[in-house]
């Protein structure tokens, strides 16, 4: 069970790195351990705005300060669910970027 969680954590980190590559103008850093991840946004993109956009995308997130969003999927999350969640986060970031110009 723990080995599977380790593998999921590595895959989650890879998917989150791809999110950073997709939004280099908004995401400054992705950090975390295992399935706990933090996305540090630049100063123009407030975490609260992205969290609101995530809610519209049916994705639950938690802030960790003014510019960090925390993600903590279930230990039983599938790869498909991870991809779907990150796609929803990407849509939310895109929506906020459009709103700030």
Protein backbone atom coordinates (compact mmCIF):
# COMPACT_ATOMS: atom_id res chain seq x y z
CA UNK A 1 0.00 0.00 0.00
CA UNK A 2 2.72 2.48 0.98
CA UNK A 3 4.74 1.74 -2.16
CA UNK A 4 1.67 2.58 -4.23
CA UNK A 5 1.27 5.87 -2.36
CA UNK A 6 4.93 6.66 -3.04
CA UNK A 7 4.43 6.03 -6.76
CA UNK A 8 1.27 8.15 -6.80
CA UNK A 9 3.19 10.94 -5.07
CA UNK A 10 5.89 10.87 -7.74
CA UNK A 11 3.32 10.92 -10.53
CA UNK A 12 1.43 13.76 -8.83
CA UNK A 13 4.65 15.77 -8.63
CA UNK A 14 5.26 15.19 -12.37
CA UNK A 15 1.75 16.33 -13.24
CA UNK A 16 2.15 19.41 -11.05
CA UNK A 17 5.46 20.25 -12.76
CA UNK A 18 3.62 20.13 -16.09
CA UNK A 19 1.12 22.63 -14.66
CA UNK A 20 4.01 24.98 -13.85
CA UNK A 21 5.30 24.58 -17.42
CA UNK A 22 1.82 25.33 -18.76
CA UNK A 23 1.46 28.52 -16.69
CA UNK A 24 5.00 29.95 -16.25
CA UNK A 25 3.54 33.47 -16.00
CA UNK A 26 1.36 32.52 -13.02
CA UNK A 27 2.96 29.56 -11.19
CA UNK A 28 6.31 30.35 -9.59
CA UNK A 29 6.91 27.10 -7.77
CA UNK A 30 5.39 23.70 -7.07
CA UNK A 31 6.51 22.05 -3.88
CA UNK A 32 5.42 19.25 -1.63
CA UNK A 33 5.94 15.74 -0.44
CA UNK A 34 3.96 12.70 -1.43
CA UNK A 35 0.42 13.70 -2.33
CA UNK A 36 0.58 17.01 -0.42
CA UNK A 37 1.40 19.81 -2.86
CA UNK A 38 1.65 23.56 -2.72
CA UNK A 39 1.42 25.81 -5.77
CA UNK A 40 3.08 29.21 -5.25
CA UNK A 41 1.57 31.83 -7.53
CA UNK A 42 3.14 35.10 -8.61
CA UNK A 43 2.13 38.36 -6.94
CA UNK A 44 -0.48 39.22 -9.60
CA UNK A 45 -2.45 36.01 -9.06
CA UNK A 46 -4.02 35.82 -5.60
CA UNK A 47 -4.69 32.40 -4.12
CA UNK A 48 -8.19 33.48 -3.06
CA UNK A 49 -9.13 34.29 -6.64
CA UNK A 50 -7.82 30.95 -7.88
CA UNK A 51 -9.63 29.14 -5.06
CA UNK A 52 -12.90 30.80 -6.10
CA UNK A 53 -12.28 29.75 -9.71
CA UNK A 54 -11.44 26.22 -8.50
CA UNK A 55 -14.76 26.06 -6.67
CA UNK A 56 -16.50 26.94 -9.94
CA UNK A 57 -14.58 24.02 -11.49
CA UNK A 58 -15.76 21.73 -8.63
CA UNK A 59 -12.24 21.43 -7.19
CA UNK A 60 -11.67 21.85 -3.46
CA UNK A 61 -8.45 23.66 -2.53
CA UNK A 62 -7.04 25.33 0.58
CA UNK A 63 -4.92 28.46 0.74
CA UNK A 64 -1.62 28.63 2.58
CA UNK A 65 -1.07 32.37 2.64
CA UNK A 66 -1.78 35.03 0.05
CA UNK A 67 -0.16 33.27 -2.88
CA UNK A 68 -0.05 29.51 -2.17
CA UNK A 69 -2.72 26.93 -2.89
CA UNK A 70 -2.56 23.54 -1.21
CA UNK A 71 -3.77 20.34 -2.80
CA UNK A 72 -4.17 17.09 -0.89
CA UNK A 73 -5.89 14.34 -2.85
CA UNK A 74 -7.10 11.18 -1.21
CA UNK A 75 -4.60 8.36 -0.75
CA UNK A 76 -6.85 6.26 -2.99
CA UNK A 77 -6.81 8.77 -5.88
CA UNK A 78 -6.36 7.30 -9.34
CA UNK A 79 -4.06 8.74 -12.00
CA UNK A 80 -7.10 9.73 -14.04
CA UNK A 81 -8.51 11.63 -11.06
CA UNK A 82 -5.17 13.39 -10.54
CA UNK A 83 -5.13 14.44 -14.20
CA UNK A 84 -8.71 15.67 -13.97
CA UNK A 85 -8.00 17.69 -10.83
CA UNK A 86 -4.93 19.33 -12.32
CA UNK A 87 -6.86 20.08 -15.52
CA UNK A 88 -9.51 21.83 -13.41
CA UNK A 89 -6.80 23.77 -11.56
CA UNK A 90 -5.30 24.78 -14.90
CA UNK A 91 -8.69 26.06 -16.09
CA UNK A 92 -9.07 28.03 -12.87
CA UNK A 93 -5.63 29.62 -13.24
CA UNK A 94 -6.42 30.50 -16.87
CA UNK A 95 -9.67 32.16 -15.81
CA UNK A 96 -7.93 34.26 -13.17
CA UNK A 97 -5.15 35.23 -15.59
CA UNK A 98 -7.79 36.50 -18.04
CA UNK A 99 -9.48 38.53 -15.32
CA UNK A 100 -6.26 40.29 -14.24
CA UNK A 101 -5.23 41.03 -17.81
